[in-house]
Each structure stands twice: as C-alpha cells, then as structure tokens.
Amino acid sequence: MAVFINSFFEERVEQLFDLAGLVERIFSSAGLEYRLVGGLAAYLYVEEREPDAGRLTKDIDIAVRRDDLEKIAKAAEPFGLRHRHVAGVDMLVQVDQPSARRAVHLVFSGEKVRSEYPEPAPELGPYRRIRELRLIPLPDLVRMKLTSFRATDEAHLKDLDEAGCITSEVEAGLSPVLAERLARVRARG
C-alpha cells in the first residue's frame, strides 16, 4: 500500500513547532513567563487525547504580562524575533520573514483582548507542559475560546469537545454567557 505524505504540510508543522520551541527558549533564558494559548494550545490538548484529530493554526498566540513587554522585546532580539505593534496587536515577528500571519501574537493576561469581549484573558498561573511548551490550563483555554468566539474558535471548541477535553468540571467553571455559547457550539454539531 502506497503512503502519501503532504511534504508542504509536514514542513509547515515543523516550522510552527520550531517557532514554538524558540519561544520557550527565549522565555526560559530570560526568566520570563508565558502561556501558549489559541489554536496551537487547542491542537496540543486535542492531539494528546486523539492524535491526528486537531486543526493546526498559522501563528502562535501566547499570554504574557504587559509589564514584561520591554523585557520580552529585548530577550527576543538575539533569537531573530522583533517586537512590533501593528493594528492594535503586539507581536514578535521573524526578522527574516516579518509576516503577521506567522508571528507570535501577544495576549496580555488580565486584560480584555477586545473591549466587547465578556471576559479578560486569565492571569498567568499554573501551566501544563506538552512537547516542552507551557500551555494555559485547559479550563482557561476553553474560556478564552468562548470569549473570543470567532468561527476559528468555534472549530477549536468543537475539536476539544469531541476529544473529550471539555468535561463537566470545565463546564462548571463557565459564566452563564460562556455556557450559553458552548451550548450553541454543541447545537451546531
């Protein structure tokens, strides 16, 4: 039986994890905290329970403390990443490939990403380590996905739910607004 490999996809996955590993090295070397959030975090939680069931993302989102922004920018420079603030978004872009689509987007802990969001991003606390990366705890990730609630977030929520990641314990910690949004995701099946 012939095995087909999508080498473009495999290369992209490797690039994404290389960038995530670079983030870990930067923050570890500078003694700074971060938590992987967003699509890559959802992918890793899903992959852990059901390999090959998660969806990949083009970029990396991390939660950081706003007070650490200057330190983060300085720590990233020697690793080939530069801080940029574009269209209201703080990010670390690769100096040799400064694409916002392949950047590390910074989300500030304890702050709303957008003023209309019902909840702020969680504070940095404990983390879960998968593939040597520091992930936001699963209940916080689910709350973040339900807070932003874009089509991409709904797809990630569906993946997390189908993999059994959204347990009754996770649901119990949701506000009424977020619980209603989760019910809508499930109703759309």
C-alpha atoms as a PDB file:
ATOM      1  CA  MET A   1       0.000   0.000   0.000  1.00  0.00           C
ATOM      2  CA  ALA A   2       1.395   3.387  -1.010  1.00  0.00           C
ATOM      3  CA  VAL A   3       1.803   6.020   1.654  1.00  0.00           C
ATOM      4  CA  PHE A   4       1.356   9.620   0.583  1.00  0.00           C
ATOM      5  CA  ILE A   5       2.927  12.404   2.552  1.00  0.00           C
ATOM      6  CA  ASN A   6       1.988  16.022   2.188  1.00  0.00           C
ATOM      7  CA  SER A   7       5.505  17.395   2.465  1.00  0.00           C
ATOM      8  CA  PHE A   8       4.291  21.018   2.411  1.00  0.00           C
ATOM      9  CA  PHE A   9       2.026  20.338   5.393  1.00  0.00           C
ATOM     10  CA  GLU A  10       4.732  18.424   7.251  1.00  0.00           C
ATOM     11  CA  GLU A  11       7.212  21.264   6.667  1.00  0.00           C
ATOM     12  CA  ARG A  12       4.689  23.825   7.919  1.00  0.00           C
ATOM     13  CA  VAL A  13       4.024  21.770  11.077  1.00  0.00           C
ATOM     14  CA  GLU A  14       7.762  21.546  11.703  1.00  0.00           C
ATOM     15  CA  GLN A  15       8.162  25.331  11.234  1.00  0.00           C
ATOM     16  CA  LEU A  16       5.316  26.019  13.643  1.00  0.00           C
ATOM     17  CA  PHE A  17       6.788  23.799  16.350  1.00  0.00           C
ATOM     18  CA  ASP A  18      10.267  25.190  15.721  1.00  0.00           C
ATOM     19  CA  LEU A  19       8.880  28.685  16.350  1.00  0.00           C
ATOM     20  CA  ALA A  20       7.067  27.492  19.484  1.00  0.00           C
ATOM     21  CA  GLY A  21      10.299  25.889  20.700  1.00  0.00           C
ATOM     22  CA  LEU A  22      12.095  29.172  20.052  1.00  0.00           C
ATOM     23  CA  VAL A  23       9.521  30.958  22.215  1.00  0.00           C
ATOM     24  CA  GLU A  24      10.223  28.502  25.025  1.00  0.00           C
ATOM     25  CA  ARG A  25      13.991  29.084  24.724  1.00  0.00           C
ATOM     26  CA  ILE A  26      13.577  32.876  24.707  1.00  0.00           C
ATOM     27  CA  PHE A  27      11.353  32.966  27.768  1.00  0.00           C
ATOM     28  CA  SER A  28      13.371  30.351  29.654  1.00  0.00           C
ATOM     29  CA  SER A  29      16.655  32.145  29.024  1.00  0.00           C
ATOM     30  CA  ALA A  30      15.190  35.482  30.174  1.00  0.00           C
ATOM     31  CA  GLY A  31      13.349  34.030  33.195  1.00  0.00           C
ATOM     32  CA  LEU A  32      10.020  35.297  31.829  1.00  0.00           C
ATOM     33  CA  GLU A  33       6.585  33.714  31.978  1.00  0.00           C
ATOM     34  CA  TYR A  34       4.299  32.907  29.060  1.00  0.00           C
ATOM     35  CA  ARG A  35       1.458  30.512  28.393  1.00  0.00           C
ATOM     36  CA  LEU A  36       0.647  29.081  24.996  1.00  0.00           C
ATOM     37  CA  VAL A  37      -2.968  29.935  24.166  1.00  0.00           C
ATOM     38  CA  GLY A  38      -5.031  29.929  20.982  1.00  0.00           C
ATOM     39  CA  GLY A  39      -5.126  27.398  18.196  1.00  0.00           C
ATOM     40  CA  LEU A  40      -1.812  25.707  18.894  1.00  0.00           C
ATOM     41  CA  ALA A  41      -2.767  25.111  22.524  1.00  0.00           C
ATOM     42  CA  ALA A  42      -6.106  23.645  21.392  1.00  0.00           C
ATOM     43  CA  TYR A  43      -4.278  21.451  18.881  1.00  0.00           C
ATOM     44  CA  LEU A  44      -1.917  20.091  21.529  1.00  0.00           C
ATOM     45  CA  TYR A  45      -4.710  19.295  24.002  1.00  0.00           C
ATOM     46  CA  VAL A  46      -6.720  17.535  21.281  1.00  0.00           C
ATOM     47  CA  GLU A  47      -3.681  15.697  19.893  1.00  0.00           C
ATOM     48  CA  GLU A  48      -2.887  14.370  23.358  1.00  0.00           C
ATOM     49  CA  ARG A  49      -6.284  12.644  23.552  1.00  0.00           C
ATOM     50  CA  GLU A  50      -6.878  11.904  19.876  1.00  0.00           C
ATOM     51  CA  PRO A  51      -3.784  12.041  17.696  1.00  0.00           C
ATOM     52  CA  ASP A  52      -4.470  13.483  14.238  1.00  0.00           C
ATOM     53  CA  ALA A  53      -7.828  14.989  15.294  1.00  0.00           C
ATOM     54  CA  GLY A  54      -6.729  18.599  15.890  1.00  0.00           C
ATOM     55  CA  ARG A  55      -6.526  21.507  13.483  1.00  0.00           C
ATOM     56  CA  LEU A  56      -3.334  23.419  13.058  1.00  0.00           C
ATOM     57  CA  THR A  57      -3.004  27.168  13.020  1.00  0.00           C
ATOM     58  CA  LYS A  58      -0.769  29.559  11.091  1.00  0.00           C
ATOM     59  CA  ASP A  59       0.520  31.550  14.028  1.00  0.00           C
ATOM     60  CA  ILE A  60       1.243  31.236  17.710  1.00  0.00           C
ATOM     61  CA  ASP A  61      -0.620  33.067  20.469  1.00  0.00           C
ATOM     62  CA  ILE A  62       0.905  33.438  23.909  1.00  0.00           C
ATOM     63  CA  ALA A  63      -0.353  35.095  27.073  1.00  0.00           C
ATOM     64  CA  VAL A  64       2.190  37.353  28.772  1.00  0.00           C
ATOM     65  CA  ARG A  65       2.229  40.123  31.362  1.00  0.00           C
ATOM     66  CA  ARG A  66       2.083  43.622  29.889  1.00  0.00           C
ATOM     67  CA  ASP A  67       4.705  44.728  32.436  1.00  0.00           C
ATOM     68  CA  ASP A  68       7.150  42.279  30.799  1.00  0.00           C
ATOM     69  CA  LEU A  69       6.748  43.665  27.254  1.00  0.00           C
ATOM     70  CA  GLU A  70      10.027  45.595  27.172  1.00  0.00           C
ATOM     71  CA  LYS A  71      11.933  42.625  28.621  1.00  0.00           C
ATOM     72  CA  ILE A  72      10.276  40.291  26.089  1.00  0.00           C
ATOM     73  CA  ALA A  73      11.276  42.558  23.184  1.00  0.00           C
ATOM     74  CA  LYS A  74      14.903  42.684  24.381  1.00  0.00           C
ATOM     75  CA  ALA A  75      15.054  38.937  25.032  1.00  0.00           C
ATOM     76  CA  ALA A  76      13.643  38.090  21.575  1.00  0.00           C
ATOM     77  CA  GLU A  77      16.096  40.194  19.517  1.00  0.00           C
ATOM     78  CA  PRO A  78      19.128  37.870  19.817  1.00  0.00           C
ATOM     79  CA  PHE A  79      16.896  34.977  18.689  1.00  0.00           C
ATOM     80  CA  GLY A  80      15.871  36.719  15.454  1.00  0.00           C
ATOM     81  CA  LEU A  81      12.459  37.969  16.578  1.00  0.00           C
ATOM     82  CA  ARG A  82      11.476  41.617  16.730  1.00  0.00           C
ATOM     83  CA  HIS A  83       8.598  43.184  18.643  1.00  0.00           C
ATOM     84  CA  ARG A  84       6.063  45.046  16.510  1.00  0.00           C
ATOM     85  CA  HIS A  85       2.790  46.736  17.332  1.00  0.00           C
ATOM     86  CA  VAL A  86       0.568  46.563  14.249  1.00  0.00           C
ATOM     87  CA  ALA A  87      -3.146  47.396  14.030  1.00  0.00           C
ATOM     88  CA  GLY A  88      -3.524  47.254  17.806  1.00  0.00           C
ATOM     89  CA  VAL A  89      -1.764  43.893  18.117  1.00  0.00           C
ATOM     90  CA  ASP A  90       1.587  43.269  19.778  1.00  0.00           C
ATOM     91  CA  MET A  91       3.614  40.506  18.182  1.00  0.00           C
ATOM     92  CA  LEU A  92       7.035  39.043  17.714  1.00  0.00           C
ATOM     93  CA  VAL A  93       7.886  38.674  14.032  1.00  0.00           C
ATOM     94  CA  GLN A  94      10.772  36.815  12.479  1.00  0.00           C
ATOM     95  CA  VAL A  95      13.304  39.364  11.257  1.00  0.00           C
ATOM     96  CA  ASP A  96      13.943  37.393   8.049  1.00  0.00           C
ATOM     97  CA  GLN A  97      10.204  36.661   7.457  1.00  0.00           C
ATOM     98  CA  PRO A  98       8.217  39.518   9.048  1.00  0.00           C
ATOM     99  CA  SER A  99       4.744  38.123   8.342  1.00  0.00           C
ATOM    100  CA  ALA A 100       1.978  38.800  10.856  1.00  0.00           C
ATOM    101  CA  ARG A 101       0.389  35.517   9.780  1.00  0.00           C
ATOM    102  CA  ARG A 102       3.420  33.573  11.004  1.00  0.00           C
ATOM    103  CA  ALA A 103       4.124  35.697  14.051  1.00  0.00           C
ATOM    104  CA  VAL A 104       3.916  35.137  17.773  1.00  0.00           C
ATOM    105  CA  HIS A 105       0.912  37.189  18.888  1.00  0.00           C
ATOM    106  CA  LEU A 106       0.965  38.512  22.437  1.00  0.00           C
ATOM    107  CA  VAL A 107      -2.183  38.459  24.571  1.00  0.00           C
ATOM    108  CA  PHE A 108      -1.940  40.359  27.836  1.00  0.00           C
ATOM    109  CA  SER A 109      -3.025  38.437  30.910  1.00  0.00           C
ATOM    110  CA  GLY A 110      -5.773  40.051  32.971  1.00  0.00           C
ATOM    111  CA  GLU A 111      -6.856  42.289  30.060  1.00  0.00           C
ATOM    112  CA  LYS A 112      -9.625  42.040  27.511  1.00  0.00           C
ATOM    113  CA  VAL A 113      -8.284  41.406  24.024  1.00  0.00           C
ATOM    114  CA  ARG A 114     -11.186  43.478  22.677  1.00  0.00           C
ATOM    115  CA  SER A 115     -13.364  45.822  24.679  1.00  0.00           C
ATOM    116  CA  GLU A 116     -16.551  43.980  23.686  1.00  0.00           C
ATOM    117  CA  TYR A 117     -15.305  40.618  24.983  1.00  0.00           C
ATOM    118  CA  PRO A 118     -17.248  39.397  28.026  1.00  0.00           C
ATOM    119  CA  GLU A 119     -14.132  38.352  29.968  1.00  0.00           C
ATOM    120  CA  PRO A 120     -10.446  39.263  30.152  1.00  0.00           C
ATOM    121  CA  ALA A 121      -7.633  36.847  29.387  1.00  0.00           C
ATOM    122  CA  PRO A 122      -6.778  34.821  32.502  1.00  0.00           C
ATOM    123  CA  GLU A 123      -3.885  35.758  34.747  1.00  0.00           C
ATOM    124  CA  LEU A 124      -0.721  33.704  34.371  1.00  0.00           C
ATOM    125  CA  GLY A 125      -0.814  30.926  36.886  1.00  0.00           C
ATOM    126  CA  PRO A 126      -0.038  27.231  36.728  1.00  0.00           C
ATOM    127  CA  TYR A 127       0.624  25.680  33.362  1.00  0.00           C
ATOM    128  CA  ARG A 128       0.531  22.344  31.628  1.00  0.00           C
ATOM    129  CA  ARG A 129       3.607  21.202  29.727  1.00  0.00           C
ATOM    130  CA  ILE A 130       3.116  19.380  26.437  1.00  0.00           C
ATOM    131  CA  ARG A 131       6.005  18.956  23.981  1.00  0.00           C
ATOM    132  CA  GLU A 132       8.126  21.057  26.342  1.00  0.00           C
ATOM    133  CA  LEU A 133       5.811  24.059  25.837  1.00  0.00           C
ATOM    134  CA  ARG A 134       3.945  25.855  28.635  1.00  0.00           C
ATOM    135  CA  LEU A 135       0.225  25.701  27.904  1.00  0.00           C
ATOM    136  CA  ILE A 136      -2.527  27.590  29.642  1.00  0.00           C
ATOM    137  CA  PRO A 137      -4.656  25.211  31.739  1.00  0.00           C
ATOM    138  CA  LEU A 138      -7.447  23.639  29.709  1.00  0.00           C
ATOM    139  CA  PRO A 139     -10.341  25.359  31.567  1.00  0.00           C
ATOM    140  CA  ASP A 140      -8.727  28.760  30.890  1.00  0.00           C
ATOM    141  CA  LEU A 141      -8.219  27.896  27.218  1.00  0.00           C
ATOM    142  CA  VAL A 142     -11.882  26.912  26.857  1.00  0.00           C
ATOM    143  CA  ARG A 143     -12.937  30.197  28.489  1.00  0.00           C
ATOM    144  CA  MET A 144     -10.667  32.164  26.143  1.00  0.00           C
ATOM    145  CA  LYS A 145     -12.069  30.385  23.078  1.00  0.00           C
ATOM    146  CA  LEU A 146     -15.634  31.001  24.254  1.00  0.00           C
ATOM    147  CA  THR A 147     -14.797  34.643  24.984  1.00  0.00           C
ATOM    148  CA  SER A 148     -13.427  35.458  21.526  1.00  0.00           C
ATOM    149  CA  PHE A 149     -15.951  33.138  19.858  1.00  0.00           C
ATOM    150  CA  ARG A 150     -14.927  33.580  16.214  1.00  0.00           C
ATOM    151  CA  ALA A 151     -15.517  30.825  13.654  1.00  0.00           C
ATOM    152  CA  THR A 152     -11.987  29.527  14.238  1.00  0.00           C
ATOM    153  CA  ASP A 153     -12.604  29.423  17.985  1.00  0.00           C
ATOM    154  CA  GLU A 154     -15.828  27.506  17.453  1.00  0.00           C
ATOM    155  CA  ALA A 155     -13.948  24.946  15.335  1.00  0.00           C
ATOM    156  CA  HIS A 156     -11.328  24.546  18.068  1.00  0.00           C
ATOM    157  CA  LEU A 157     -14.059  24.214  20.702  1.00  0.00           C
ATOM    158  CA  LYS A 158     -15.747  21.518  18.619  1.00  0.00           C
ATOM    159  CA  ASP A 159     -12.424  19.644  18.360  1.00  0.00           C
ATOM    160  CA  LEU A 160     -11.804  19.972  22.113  1.00  0.00           C
ATOM    161  CA  ASP A 161     -15.331  18.793  22.902  1.00  0.00           C
ATOM    162  CA  GLU A 162     -15.221  15.822  20.512  1.00  0.00           C
ATOM    163  CA  ALA A 163     -11.883  14.754  22.017  1.00  0.00           C
ATOM    164  CA  GLY A 164     -13.471  14.755  25.487  1.00  0.00           C
ATOM    165  CA  CYS A 165     -11.450  17.718  26.759  1.00  0.00           C
ATOM    166  CA  ILE A 166     -14.475  19.787  27.796  1.00  0.00           C
ATOM    167  CA  THR A 167     -15.535  17.880  30.882  1.00  0.00           C
ATOM    168  CA  SER A 168     -18.307  18.652  33.365  1.00  0.00           C
ATOM    169  CA  GLU A 169     -15.628  20.163  35.634  1.00  0.00           C
ATOM    170  CA  VAL A 170     -14.588  22.570  32.863  1.00  0.00           C
ATOM    171  CA  GLU A 171     -18.227  23.422  32.174  1.00  0.00           C
ATOM    172  CA  ALA A 172     -18.899  24.104  35.853  1.00  0.00           C
ATOM    173  CA  GLY A 173     -16.389  26.965  35.766  1.00  0.00           C
ATOM    174  CA  LEU A 174     -18.090  28.810  32.900  1.00  0.00           C
ATOM    175  CA  SER A 175     -20.043  32.012  33.365  1.00  0.00           C
ATOM    176  CA  PRO A 176     -23.660  31.949  32.098  1.00  0.00           C
ATOM    177  CA  VAL A 177     -22.645  33.843  28.918  1.00  0.00           C
ATOM    178  CA  LEU A 178     -19.885  31.373  28.109  1.00  0.00           C
ATOM    179  CA  ALA A 179     -22.024  28.340  29.000  1.00  0.00           C
ATOM    180  CA  GLU A 180     -24.657  29.572  26.541  1.00  0.00           C
ATOM    181  CA  ARG A 181     -22.003  29.937  23.837  1.00  0.00           C
ATOM    182  CA  LEU A 182     -20.797  26.374  24.456  1.00  0.00           C
ATOM    183  CA  ALA A 183     -24.404  25.175  24.118  1.00  0.00           C
ATOM    184  CA  ARG A 184     -24.589  26.958  20.724  1.00  0.00           C
ATOM    185  CA  VAL A 185     -21.394  25.233  19.541  1.00  0.00           C
ATOM    186  CA  ARG A 186     -22.817  21.869  20.540  1.00  0.00           C
ATOM    187  CA  ALA A 187     -26.192  22.590  18.926  1.00  0.00           C
ATOM    188  CA  ARG A 188     -24.474  23.314  15.610  1.00  0.00           C
ATOM    189  CA  GLY A 189     -22.858  19.891  15.896  1.00  0.00           C
END
